[in-house]
């Protein structure tokens, strides 16, 4: 966990008071940033490839000072996935603030052409992560996480709960419904309240909690320099594994080989297709709150499916 001043997350991530300090400490020598190149793809942070004076490169994410906690949360999420030893995540070297902005410094990974069995490896790797021990991630319950974090630019509440259904109701749907209430009339708010009170009609309590990536769409995995799969930009918490799989299907879906490999390793519980849209209601409502009314019809349609 992060403390005040210079410290570490899982004894690896430095907390620095300037980017210059971070680059020098990470490199282990007196190097400087010769130039930076903007990298596109995310919407919450600015991102750059840093070219260093010793010929090496690093990856930098930057945001406002007021959003510095984004990087604390990302570093903790990446550290959690790494401890499972199941699927690669990037090495985060340092976080900190400098002259009006906050930053996260990590290894730069040159993406390579994916290996032939990329999708199968992504599926089996995710299944292994979902089977990993979660006892260190949520100490006061079965579901949640030891700290709150973010889903994109939105806050994500992770208060530990003993019930998955209660957690999904109180820490996922309810906060989003409350933020979105400006879009709803009184009768529709009553529908959202009914749904929250009756989630046990549609969801089940998992036999085993899983560490989830939490924001697993096509933009949050990549191939590494050897063409192997890796996960990036997590919004981790302990929950039902199906919530991660549902998210993969929200914006077009992954290759069929991914799902075949995942369910072969993890098992399939009938009725998933009926639960999928309910899990994705969380993400749709978050998008409504972050990006506006273009997501309203999808939110309404999903809620009315269950009400």
C-alpha atoms as a PDB file:
ATOM      1  CA  UNK A   1       0.000   0.000   0.000  1.00  0.00           C
ATOM      2  CA  UNK A   2       1.108   3.564  -0.524  1.00  0.00           C
ATOM      3  CA  UNK A   3       2.355   5.662   2.355  1.00  0.00           C
ATOM      4  CA  UNK A   4       3.471   9.270   2.670  1.00  0.00           C
ATOM      5  CA  UNK A   5       6.681  10.406   1.015  1.00  0.00           C
ATOM      6  CA  UNK A   6       9.056   7.946  -0.598  1.00  0.00           C
ATOM      7  CA  UNK A   7       7.640   4.461  -0.280  1.00  0.00           C
ATOM      8  CA  UNK A   8       6.662   1.364  -2.200  1.00  0.00           C
ATOM      9  CA  UNK A   9       3.703  -0.665  -3.367  1.00  0.00           C
ATOM     10  CA  UNK A  10       4.545  -4.332  -2.947  1.00  0.00           C
ATOM     11  CA  UNK A  11       8.187  -3.259  -2.424  1.00  0.00           C
ATOM     12  CA  UNK A  12       8.589  -2.389  -6.111  1.00  0.00           C
ATOM     13  CA  UNK A  13       6.818   0.861  -7.007  1.00  0.00           C
ATOM     14  CA  UNK A  14       8.634   4.025  -5.967  1.00  0.00           C
ATOM     15  CA  UNK A  15       6.761   7.124  -4.856  1.00  0.00           C
ATOM     16  CA  UNK A  16       8.651  10.149  -6.155  1.00  0.00           C
ATOM     17  CA  UNK A  17       8.468  13.925  -5.874  1.00  0.00           C
ATOM     18  CA  UNK A  18       9.471  14.583  -9.490  1.00  0.00           C
ATOM     19  CA  UNK A  19       9.642  12.822 -12.840  1.00  0.00           C
ATOM     20  CA  UNK A  20      13.390  13.478 -13.015  1.00  0.00           C
ATOM     21  CA  UNK A  21      13.859  11.707  -9.697  1.00  0.00           C
ATOM     22  CA  UNK A  22      11.719   8.794 -10.870  1.00  0.00           C
ATOM     23  CA  UNK A  23      13.615   8.367 -14.144  1.00  0.00           C
ATOM     24  CA  UNK A  24      16.987   8.455 -12.384  1.00  0.00           C
ATOM     25  CA  UNK A  25      15.958   5.999  -9.684  1.00  0.00           C
ATOM     26  CA  UNK A  26      14.385   3.602 -12.159  1.00  0.00           C
ATOM     27  CA  UNK A  27      17.406   3.737 -14.470  1.00  0.00           C
ATOM     28  CA  UNK A  28      19.899   3.522 -11.637  1.00  0.00           C
ATOM     29  CA  UNK A  29      22.004   6.268 -13.204  1.00  0.00           C
ATOM     30  CA  UNK A  30      21.937   9.921 -14.165  1.00  0.00           C
ATOM     31  CA  UNK A  31      19.841   9.934 -17.337  1.00  0.00           C
ATOM     32  CA  UNK A  32      17.454  12.480 -18.768  1.00  0.00           C
ATOM     33  CA  UNK A  33      14.384  12.490 -20.982  1.00  0.00           C
ATOM     34  CA  UNK A  34      15.503  13.572 -24.445  1.00  0.00           C
ATOM     35  CA  UNK A  35      12.044  13.642 -26.003  1.00  0.00           C
ATOM     36  CA  UNK A  36       8.558  12.299 -25.555  1.00  0.00           C
ATOM     37  CA  UNK A  37       6.065  10.963 -28.060  1.00  0.00           C
ATOM     38  CA  UNK A  38       2.315  11.000 -27.449  1.00  0.00           C
ATOM     39  CA  UNK A  39       0.681   7.571 -27.372  1.00  0.00           C
ATOM     40  CA  UNK A  40      -3.026   7.367 -28.110  1.00  0.00           C
ATOM     41  CA  UNK A  41      -5.619   4.885 -26.892  1.00  0.00           C
ATOM     42  CA  UNK A  42      -6.898   5.852 -23.438  1.00  0.00           C
ATOM     43  CA  UNK A  43      -9.391   8.549 -22.491  1.00  0.00           C
ATOM     44  CA  UNK A  44      -8.647   9.091 -18.789  1.00  0.00           C
ATOM     45  CA  UNK A  45      -4.945  10.023 -18.956  1.00  0.00           C
ATOM     46  CA  UNK A  46      -2.352  11.514 -21.277  1.00  0.00           C
ATOM     47  CA  UNK A  47       0.239   8.931 -22.294  1.00  0.00           C
ATOM     48  CA  UNK A  48       3.760   9.202 -23.699  1.00  0.00           C
ATOM     49  CA  UNK A  49       6.727   7.132 -24.769  1.00  0.00           C
ATOM     50  CA  UNK A  50       9.805   8.659 -23.129  1.00  0.00           C
ATOM     51  CA  UNK A  51      13.113   8.411 -24.977  1.00  0.00           C
ATOM     52  CA  UNK A  52      15.994   8.513 -22.508  1.00  0.00           C
ATOM     53  CA  UNK A  53      19.552   9.746 -22.989  1.00  0.00           C
ATOM     54  CA  UNK A  54      20.929   6.217 -22.519  1.00  0.00           C
ATOM     55  CA  UNK A  55      18.871   4.866 -25.422  1.00  0.00           C
ATOM     56  CA  UNK A  56      16.235   3.193 -23.268  1.00  0.00           C
ATOM     57  CA  UNK A  57      12.510   3.990 -23.270  1.00  0.00           C
ATOM     58  CA  UNK A  58       9.828   4.223 -20.584  1.00  0.00           C
ATOM     59  CA  UNK A  59       6.058   4.669 -20.663  1.00  0.00           C
ATOM     60  CA  UNK A  60       4.513   7.658 -18.882  1.00  0.00           C
ATOM     61  CA  UNK A  61       0.911   8.328 -17.916  1.00  0.00           C
ATOM     62  CA  UNK A  62       0.033  11.833 -16.728  1.00  0.00           C
ATOM     63  CA  UNK A  63      -3.019  13.472 -15.197  1.00  0.00           C
ATOM     64  CA  UNK A  64      -3.881  16.455 -13.036  1.00  0.00           C
ATOM     65  CA  UNK A  65      -2.702  16.726  -9.440  1.00  0.00           C
ATOM     66  CA  UNK A  66      -6.311  16.344  -8.307  1.00  0.00           C
ATOM     67  CA  UNK A  67      -6.455  12.929 -10.002  1.00  0.00           C
ATOM     68  CA  UNK A  68      -3.197  11.565  -8.573  1.00  0.00           C
ATOM     69  CA  UNK A  69      -5.103   8.824  -6.760  1.00  0.00           C
ATOM     70  CA  UNK A  70      -5.832   7.231 -10.159  1.00  0.00           C
ATOM     71  CA  UNK A  71      -2.237   6.060 -10.259  1.00  0.00           C
ATOM     72  CA  UNK A  72      -2.189   4.775  -6.691  1.00  0.00           C
ATOM     73  CA  UNK A  73      -5.194   2.635  -7.595  1.00  0.00           C
ATOM     74  CA  UNK A  74      -3.709   1.411 -10.880  1.00  0.00           C
ATOM     75  CA  UNK A  75      -0.436   0.451  -9.220  1.00  0.00           C
ATOM     76  CA  UNK A  76      -2.264  -1.496  -6.517  1.00  0.00           C
ATOM     77  CA  UNK A  77      -4.416  -3.255  -9.107  1.00  0.00           C
ATOM     78  CA  UNK A  78      -1.457  -4.269 -11.235  1.00  0.00           C
ATOM     79  CA  UNK A  79       0.355  -5.485  -8.112  1.00  0.00           C
ATOM     80  CA  UNK A  80      -2.655  -7.612  -7.152  1.00  0.00           C
ATOM     81  CA  UNK A  81      -2.778  -9.325 -10.544  1.00  0.00           C
ATOM     82  CA  UNK A  82       0.978  -9.862 -10.486  1.00  0.00           C
ATOM     83  CA  UNK A  83       0.807 -11.693  -7.147  1.00  0.00           C
ATOM     84  CA  UNK A  84      -1.401 -14.370  -8.728  1.00  0.00           C
ATOM     85  CA  UNK A  85       1.471 -15.361 -11.031  1.00  0.00           C
ATOM     86  CA  UNK A  86      -0.971 -16.214 -13.791  1.00  0.00           C
ATOM     87  CA  UNK A  87      -0.886 -13.618 -16.579  1.00  0.00           C
ATOM     88  CA  UNK A  88       1.566 -10.860 -17.374  1.00  0.00           C
ATOM     89  CA  UNK A  89       0.988  -7.244 -16.398  1.00  0.00           C
ATOM     90  CA  UNK A  90       3.403  -4.340 -17.008  1.00  0.00           C
ATOM     91  CA  UNK A  91       6.070  -3.424 -14.487  1.00  0.00           C
ATOM     92  CA  UNK A  92       5.078  -0.162 -12.835  1.00  0.00           C
ATOM     93  CA  UNK A  93       8.233   1.566 -11.646  1.00  0.00           C
ATOM     94  CA  UNK A  94       7.084   4.779  -9.968  1.00  0.00           C
ATOM     95  CA  UNK A  95       4.228   7.153  -9.261  1.00  0.00           C
ATOM     96  CA  UNK A  96       4.405  10.748  -8.101  1.00  0.00           C
ATOM     97  CA  UNK A  97       3.729  14.415  -8.780  1.00  0.00           C
ATOM     98  CA  UNK A  98       5.711  17.097 -10.589  1.00  0.00           C
ATOM     99  CA  UNK A  99       4.985  20.752 -11.412  1.00  0.00           C
ATOM    100  CA  UNK A 100       1.206  20.633 -11.535  1.00  0.00           C
ATOM    101  CA  UNK A 101       0.637  17.083 -12.730  1.00  0.00           C
ATOM    102  CA  UNK A 102       0.653  13.542 -11.393  1.00  0.00           C
ATOM    103  CA  UNK A 103       2.328  10.664 -13.163  1.00  0.00           C
ATOM    104  CA  UNK A 104       2.830   6.925 -13.394  1.00  0.00           C
ATOM    105  CA  UNK A 105       6.049   5.563 -14.889  1.00  0.00           C
ATOM    106  CA  UNK A 106       6.213   2.010 -16.221  1.00  0.00           C
ATOM    107  CA  UNK A 107       8.144  -0.173 -18.605  1.00  0.00           C
ATOM    108  CA  UNK A 108       7.633   0.513 -22.297  1.00  0.00           C
ATOM    109  CA  UNK A 109       6.540  -2.615 -24.138  1.00  0.00           C
ATOM    110  CA  UNK A 110       6.810  -2.812 -27.911  1.00  0.00           C
ATOM    111  CA  UNK A 111       3.816  -4.776 -29.116  1.00  0.00           C
ATOM    112  CA  UNK A 112       4.626  -7.720 -31.367  1.00  0.00           C
ATOM    113  CA  UNK A 113       2.466  -9.755 -33.714  1.00  0.00           C
ATOM    114  CA  UNK A 114       0.412 -12.130 -31.595  1.00  0.00           C
ATOM    115  CA  UNK A 115       1.455 -15.763 -31.310  1.00  0.00           C
ATOM    116  CA  UNK A 116      -0.741 -18.319 -33.058  1.00  0.00           C
ATOM    117  CA  UNK A 117      -2.444 -19.439 -29.840  1.00  0.00           C
ATOM    118  CA  UNK A 118      -2.761 -15.928 -28.384  1.00  0.00           C
ATOM    119  CA  UNK A 119      -6.491 -16.138 -27.709  1.00  0.00           C
ATOM    120  CA  UNK A 120      -6.259 -19.547 -26.072  1.00  0.00           C
ATOM    121  CA  UNK A 121      -3.460 -18.291 -23.810  1.00  0.00           C
ATOM    122  CA  UNK A 122      -5.469 -15.205 -22.897  1.00  0.00           C
ATOM    123  CA  UNK A 123      -8.449 -17.396 -22.001  1.00  0.00           C
ATOM    124  CA  UNK A 124      -6.506 -19.917 -19.933  1.00  0.00           C
ATOM    125  CA  UNK A 125      -4.483 -17.158 -18.276  1.00  0.00           C
ATOM    126  CA  UNK A 126      -7.614 -15.306 -17.220  1.00  0.00           C
ATOM    127  CA  UNK A 127      -9.160 -18.530 -15.925  1.00  0.00           C
ATOM    128  CA  UNK A 128      -6.032 -19.180 -13.853  1.00  0.00           C
ATOM    129  CA  UNK A 129      -6.260 -15.656 -12.431  1.00  0.00           C
ATOM    130  CA  UNK A 130      -9.922 -16.240 -11.571  1.00  0.00           C
ATOM    131  CA  UNK A 131      -8.968 -19.438  -9.726  1.00  0.00           C
ATOM    132  CA  UNK A 132      -6.167 -17.815  -7.713  1.00  0.00           C
ATOM    133  CA  UNK A 133      -6.335 -17.294  -3.951  1.00  0.00           C
ATOM    134  CA  UNK A 134      -7.971 -13.961  -3.054  1.00  0.00           C
ATOM    135  CA  UNK A 135      -7.602 -13.923   0.722  1.00  0.00           C
ATOM    136  CA  UNK A 136      -5.038 -11.111   0.722  1.00  0.00           C
ATOM    137  CA  UNK A 137      -7.130  -8.787  -1.454  1.00  0.00           C
ATOM    138  CA  UNK A 138     -10.178  -8.381   0.777  1.00  0.00           C
ATOM    139  CA  UNK A 139      -9.578  -8.921   4.479  1.00  0.00           C
ATOM    140  CA  UNK A 140     -12.985  -8.111   5.986  1.00  0.00           C
ATOM    141  CA  UNK A 141     -15.285 -10.057   3.670  1.00  0.00           C
ATOM    142  CA  UNK A 142     -15.421 -12.301   0.626  1.00  0.00           C
ATOM    143  CA  UNK A 143     -16.066  -9.645  -2.023  1.00  0.00           C
ATOM    144  CA  UNK A 144     -14.656  -6.181  -2.671  1.00  0.00           C
ATOM    145  CA  UNK A 145     -11.082  -4.995  -2.281  1.00  0.00           C
ATOM    146  CA  UNK A 146      -8.887  -3.553   0.433  1.00  0.00           C
ATOM    147  CA  UNK A 147      -9.215  -0.066  -1.079  1.00  0.00           C
ATOM    148  CA  UNK A 148     -11.546   1.791  -3.416  1.00  0.00           C
ATOM    149  CA  UNK A 149     -10.383   2.458  -6.964  1.00  0.00           C
ATOM    150  CA  UNK A 150     -11.682   3.656 -10.336  1.00  0.00           C
ATOM    151  CA  UNK A 151     -13.572   2.370 -13.339  1.00  0.00           C
ATOM    152  CA  UNK A 152     -12.258   4.583 -16.112  1.00  0.00           C
ATOM    153  CA  UNK A 153     -12.531   8.091 -14.665  1.00  0.00           C
ATOM    154  CA  UNK A 154     -15.378   7.088 -12.351  1.00  0.00           C
ATOM    155  CA  UNK A 155     -15.025   6.164  -8.693  1.00  0.00           C
ATOM    156  CA  UNK A 156     -15.439   2.482  -7.832  1.00  0.00           C
ATOM    157  CA  UNK A 157     -16.547   1.546  -4.325  1.00  0.00           C
ATOM    158  CA  UNK A 158     -15.055  -1.685  -2.964  1.00  0.00           C
ATOM    159  CA  UNK A 159     -16.457  -1.933   0.567  1.00  0.00           C
ATOM    160  CA  UNK A 160     -16.036  -5.594   1.595  1.00  0.00           C
ATOM    161  CA  UNK A 161     -19.228  -7.675   1.736  1.00  0.00           C
ATOM    162  CA  UNK A 162     -19.851 -11.302   2.618  1.00  0.00           C
ATOM    163  CA  UNK A 163     -22.396 -11.694  -0.211  1.00  0.00           C
ATOM    164  CA  UNK A 164     -21.665 -11.218  -3.911  1.00  0.00           C
ATOM    165  CA  UNK A 165     -25.243 -10.189  -4.615  1.00  0.00           C
ATOM    166  CA  UNK A 166     -25.136  -7.595  -1.843  1.00  0.00           C
ATOM    167  CA  UNK A 167     -21.788  -6.308  -3.110  1.00  0.00           C
ATOM    168  CA  UNK A 168     -23.019  -6.008  -6.687  1.00  0.00           C
ATOM    169  CA  UNK A 169     -26.136  -4.203  -5.497  1.00  0.00           C
ATOM    170  CA  UNK A 170     -24.580  -1.798  -2.998  1.00  0.00           C
ATOM    171  CA  UNK A 171     -21.118  -1.205  -4.464  1.00  0.00           C
ATOM    172  CA  UNK A 172     -21.782  -1.482  -8.186  1.00  0.00           C
ATOM    173  CA  UNK A 173     -25.340  -0.757  -9.323  1.00  0.00           C
ATOM    174  CA  UNK A 174     -26.654   1.513  -6.560  1.00  0.00           C
ATOM    175  CA  UNK A 175     -23.872   4.146  -6.766  1.00  0.00           C
ATOM    176  CA  UNK A 176     -24.251   4.308 -10.549  1.00  0.00           C
ATOM    177  CA  UNK A 177     -28.050   4.495 -10.384  1.00  0.00           C
ATOM    178  CA  UNK A 178     -27.821   7.351  -7.888  1.00  0.00           C
ATOM    179  CA  UNK A 179     -25.458   9.288 -10.156  1.00  0.00           C
ATOM    180  CA  UNK A 180     -27.723   8.640 -13.149  1.00  0.00           C
ATOM    181  CA  UNK A 181     -30.950   9.626 -11.362  1.00  0.00           C
ATOM    182  CA  UNK A 182     -30.992  12.973 -13.200  1.00  0.00           C
ATOM    183  CA  UNK A 183     -31.845  10.992 -16.345  1.00  0.00           C
ATOM    184  CA  UNK A 184     -34.712   9.039 -14.720  1.00  0.00           C
ATOM    185  CA  UNK A 185     -38.258  10.001 -13.777  1.00  0.00           C
ATOM    186  CA  UNK A 186     -39.926   8.810 -10.581  1.00  0.00           C
ATOM    187  CA  UNK A 187     -41.474   5.692 -12.063  1.00  0.00           C
ATOM    188  CA  UNK A 188     -38.175   4.576 -13.558  1.00  0.00           C
ATOM    189  CA  UNK A 189     -36.332   5.182 -10.284  1.00  0.00           C
ATOM    190  CA  UNK A 190     -38.846   2.807  -8.699  1.00  0.00           C
ATOM    191  CA  UNK A 191     -37.821   0.205 -11.282  1.00  0.00           C
ATOM    192  CA  UNK A 192     -34.159   0.614 -10.385  1.00  0.00           C
ATOM    193  CA  UNK A 193     -34.991   0.223  -6.702  1.00  0.00           C
ATOM    194  CA  UNK A 194     -37.020  -2.909  -7.426  1.00  0.00           C
ATOM    195  CA  UNK A 195     -34.104  -4.366  -9.367  1.00  0.00           C
ATOM    196  CA  UNK A 196     -31.680  -3.678  -6.513  1.00  0.00           C
ATOM    197  CA  UNK A 197     -34.038  -5.372  -4.070  1.00  0.00           C
ATOM    198  CA  UNK A 198     -34.518  -8.420  -6.298  1.00  0.00           C
ATOM    199  CA  UNK A 199     -31.078  -9.206  -7.675  1.00  0.00           C
ATOM    200  CA  UNK A 200     -31.210 -12.615  -6.026  1.00  0.00           C
ATOM    201  CA  UNK A 201     -33.824 -13.592  -8.630  1.00  0.00           C
ATOM    202  CA  UNK A 202     -31.209 -13.254 -11.356  1.00  0.00           C
ATOM    203  CA  UNK A 203     -27.734 -13.705  -9.839  1.00  0.00           C
ATOM    204  CA  UNK A 204     -26.179 -16.469  -7.746  1.00  0.00           C
ATOM    205  CA  UNK A 205     -23.553 -16.638  -5.025  1.00  0.00           C
ATOM    206  CA  UNK A 206     -20.338 -18.033  -6.564  1.00  0.00           C
ATOM    207  CA  UNK A 207     -18.777 -21.145  -5.105  1.00  0.00           C
ATOM    208  CA  UNK A 208     -15.435 -19.325  -5.086  1.00  0.00           C
ATOM    209  CA  UNK A 209     -14.684 -15.574  -5.309  1.00  0.00           C
ATOM    210  CA  UNK A 210     -12.301 -14.467  -8.064  1.00  0.00           C
ATOM    211  CA  UNK A 211      -9.883 -11.602  -8.527  1.00  0.00           C
ATOM    212  CA  UNK A 212     -11.315  -9.652 -11.467  1.00  0.00           C
ATOM    213  CA  UNK A 213      -9.599  -7.340 -13.916  1.00  0.00           C
ATOM    214  CA  UNK A 214     -12.741  -5.245 -13.619  1.00  0.00           C
ATOM    215  CA  UNK A 215     -12.595  -3.382 -16.946  1.00  0.00           C
ATOM    216  CA  UNK A 216     -11.826  -6.116 -19.439  1.00  0.00           C
ATOM    217  CA  UNK A 217     -12.612  -4.766 -22.888  1.00  0.00           C
ATOM    218  CA  UNK A 218     -10.481  -4.975 -26.034  1.00  0.00           C
ATOM    219  CA  UNK A 219      -8.481  -1.866 -25.114  1.00  0.00           C
ATOM    220  CA  UNK A 220      -7.237  -3.338 -21.848  1.00  0.00           C
ATOM    221  CA  UNK A 221      -5.214  -6.289 -23.055  1.00  0.00           C
ATOM    222  CA  UNK A 222      -2.340  -6.372 -25.512  1.00  0.00           C
ATOM    223  CA  UNK A 223       0.473  -8.500 -26.880  1.00  0.00           C
ATOM    224  CA  UNK A 224       3.918  -8.098 -25.367  1.00  0.00           C
ATOM    225  CA  UNK A 225       7.245  -7.988 -27.200  1.00  0.00           C
ATOM    226  CA  UNK A 226       7.017 -11.765 -27.744  1.00  0.00           C
ATOM    227  CA  UNK A 227       3.414 -11.729 -28.923  1.00  0.00           C
ATOM    228  CA  UNK A 228       2.128 -13.158 -25.639  1.00  0.00           C
ATOM    229  CA  UNK A 229      -1.034 -11.808 -23.934  1.00  0.00           C
ATOM    230  CA  UNK A 230      -0.893  -9.346 -21.082  1.00  0.00           C
ATOM    231  CA  UNK A 231      -3.443  -7.288 -19.157  1.00  0.00           C
ATOM    232  CA  UNK A 232      -3.296  -3.512 -18.671  1.00  0.00           C
ATOM    233  CA  UNK A 233      -5.338  -0.767 -16.969  1.00  0.00           C
ATOM    234  CA  UNK A 234      -7.161  -2.895 -14.386  1.00  0.00           C
ATOM    235  CA  UNK A 235      -9.988  -1.838 -12.070  1.00  0.00           C
ATOM    236  CA  UNK A 236      -9.553  -4.833  -9.792  1.00  0.00           C
ATOM    237  CA  UNK A 237     -11.815  -6.243  -7.122  1.00  0.00           C
ATOM    238  CA  UNK A 238     -12.886  -9.655  -5.862  1.00  0.00           C
ATOM    239  CA  UNK A 239     -16.193 -10.782  -7.339  1.00  0.00           C
ATOM    240  CA  UNK A 240     -17.909 -13.329  -9.563  1.00  0.00           C
ATOM    241  CA  UNK A 241     -15.781 -14.385 -12.530  1.00  0.00           C
ATOM    242  CA  UNK A 242     -18.748 -13.974 -14.885  1.00  0.00           C
ATOM    243  CA  UNK A 243     -18.611 -10.196 -14.458  1.00  0.00           C
ATOM    244  CA  UNK A 244     -15.234 -10.107 -16.238  1.00  0.00           C
ATOM    245  CA  UNK A 245     -16.444 -12.364 -19.041  1.00  0.00           C
ATOM    246  CA  UNK A 246     -19.585 -10.277 -19.493  1.00  0.00           C
ATOM    247  CA  UNK A 247     -17.485  -7.138 -19.938  1.00  0.00           C
ATOM    248  CA  UNK A 248     -15.521  -8.786 -22.752  1.00  0.00           C
ATOM    249  CA  UNK A 249     -18.781  -9.085 -24.694  1.00  0.00           C
ATOM    250  CA  UNK A 250     -20.074  -5.549 -24.143  1.00  0.00           C
ATOM    251  CA  UNK A 251     -18.301  -3.854 -27.047  1.00  0.00           C
ATOM    252  CA  UNK A 252     -18.169  -6.522 -29.717  1.00  0.00           C
ATOM    253  CA  UNK A 253     -16.654  -9.504 -27.937  1.00  0.00           C
ATOM    254  CA  UNK A 254     -13.342 -11.352 -28.147  1.00  0.00           C
ATOM    255  CA  UNK A 255     -12.311 -14.146 -30.496  1.00  0.00           C
ATOM    256  CA  UNK A 256     -14.332 -17.348 -30.017  1.00  0.00           C
ATOM    257  CA  UNK A 257     -11.116 -19.222 -29.160  1.00  0.00           C
ATOM    258  CA  UNK A 258     -10.793 -17.088 -26.023  1.00  0.00           C
ATOM    259  CA  UNK A 259     -14.197 -18.167 -24.686  1.00  0.00           C
ATOM    260  CA  UNK A 260     -13.679 -21.826 -25.582  1.00  0.00           C
ATOM    261  CA  UNK A 261     -10.351 -21.909 -23.737  1.00  0.00           C
ATOM    262  CA  UNK A 262     -11.664 -19.943 -20.774  1.00  0.00           C
ATOM    263  CA  UNK A 263     -14.755 -22.053 -20.138  1.00  0.00           C
ATOM    264  CA  UNK A 264     -12.838 -25.291 -20.729  1.00  0.00           C
ATOM    265  CA  UNK A 265     -10.493 -24.271 -17.914  1.00  0.00           C
ATOM    266  CA  UNK A 266     -13.010 -22.536 -15.644  1.00  0.00           C
ATOM    267  CA  UNK A 267     -16.271 -24.337 -16.276  1.00  0.00           C
ATOM    268  CA  UNK A 268     -19.578 -22.909 -17.461  1.00  0.00           C
ATOM    269  CA  UNK A 269     -22.677 -22.354 -15.344  1.00  0.00           C
ATOM    270  CA  UNK A 270     -25.950 -22.440 -17.328  1.00  0.00           C
ATOM    271  CA  UNK A 271     -27.881 -19.191 -17.427  1.00  0.00           C
ATOM    272  CA  UNK A 272     -24.831 -16.999 -18.031  1.00  0.00           C
ATOM    273  CA  UNK A 273     -26.441 -15.448 -21.112  1.00  0.00           C
ATOM    274  CA  UNK A 274     -29.292 -14.184 -18.916  1.00  0.00           C
ATOM    275  CA  UNK A 275     -26.913 -12.770 -16.295  1.00  0.00           C
ATOM    276  CA  UNK A 276     -24.508 -11.135 -18.747  1.00  0.00           C
ATOM    277  CA  UNK A 277     -26.579  -8.027 -19.450  1.00  0.00           C
ATOM    278  CA  UNK A 278     -27.160  -7.453 -15.751  1.00  0.00           C
ATOM    279  CA  UNK A 279     -23.418  -7.451 -15.099  1.00  0.00           C
ATOM    280  CA  UNK A 280     -22.882  -5.109 -18.031  1.00  0.00           C
ATOM    281  CA  UNK A 281     -25.561  -2.752 -16.733  1.00  0.00           C
ATOM    282  CA  UNK A 282     -22.908  -1.528 -14.312  1.00  0.00           C
ATOM    283  CA  UNK A 283     -20.602  -0.531 -17.168  1.00  0.00           C
ATOM    284  CA  UNK A 284     -23.381   0.933 -19.300  1.00  0.00           C
ATOM    285  CA  UNK A 285     -24.578   3.120 -16.433  1.00  0.00           C
ATOM    286  CA  UNK A 286     -21.011   4.168 -15.676  1.00  0.00           C
ATOM    287  CA  UNK A 287     -20.647   5.183 -19.330  1.00  0.00           C
ATOM    288  CA  UNK A 288     -23.922   7.093 -19.080  1.00  0.00           C
ATOM    289  CA  UNK A 289     -22.545   8.986 -16.091  1.00  0.00           C
ATOM    290  CA  UNK A 290     -19.159   9.638 -17.695  1.00  0.00           C
ATOM    291  CA  UNK A 291     -20.040  10.261 -21.333  1.00  0.00           C
ATOM    292  CA  UNK A 292     -23.673  11.317 -21.409  1.00  0.00           C
ATOM    293  CA  UNK A 293     -27.072  10.473 -22.797  1.00  0.00           C
ATOM    294  CA  UNK A 294     -25.928   8.414 -25.801  1.00  0.00           C
ATOM    295  CA  UNK A 295     -25.911   5.452 -23.390  1.00  0.00           C
ATOM    296  CA  UNK A 296     -29.331   6.180 -21.884  1.00  0.00           C
ATOM    297  CA  UNK A 297     -31.383   4.000 -24.233  1.00  0.00           C
ATOM    298  CA  UNK A 298     -29.140   0.984 -23.579  1.00  0.00           C
ATOM    299  CA  UNK A 299     -29.436   1.491 -19.813  1.00  0.00           C
ATOM    300  CA  UNK A 300     -33.233   1.795 -19.990  1.00  0.00           C
ATOM    301  CA  UNK A 301     -33.551  -1.218 -22.280  1.00  0.00           C
ATOM    302  CA  UNK A 302     -31.437  -3.376 -19.970  1.00  0.00           C
ATOM    303  CA  UNK A 303     -33.265  -2.385 -16.790  1.00  0.00           C
ATOM    304  CA  UNK A 304     -36.659  -2.959 -18.405  1.00  0.00           C
ATOM    305  CA  UNK A 305     -35.526  -6.417 -19.507  1.00  0.00           C
ATOM    306  CA  UNK A 306     -35.294  -7.444 -15.850  1.00  0.00           C
ATOM    307  CA  UNK A 307     -38.184  -5.370 -14.520  1.00  0.00           C
END
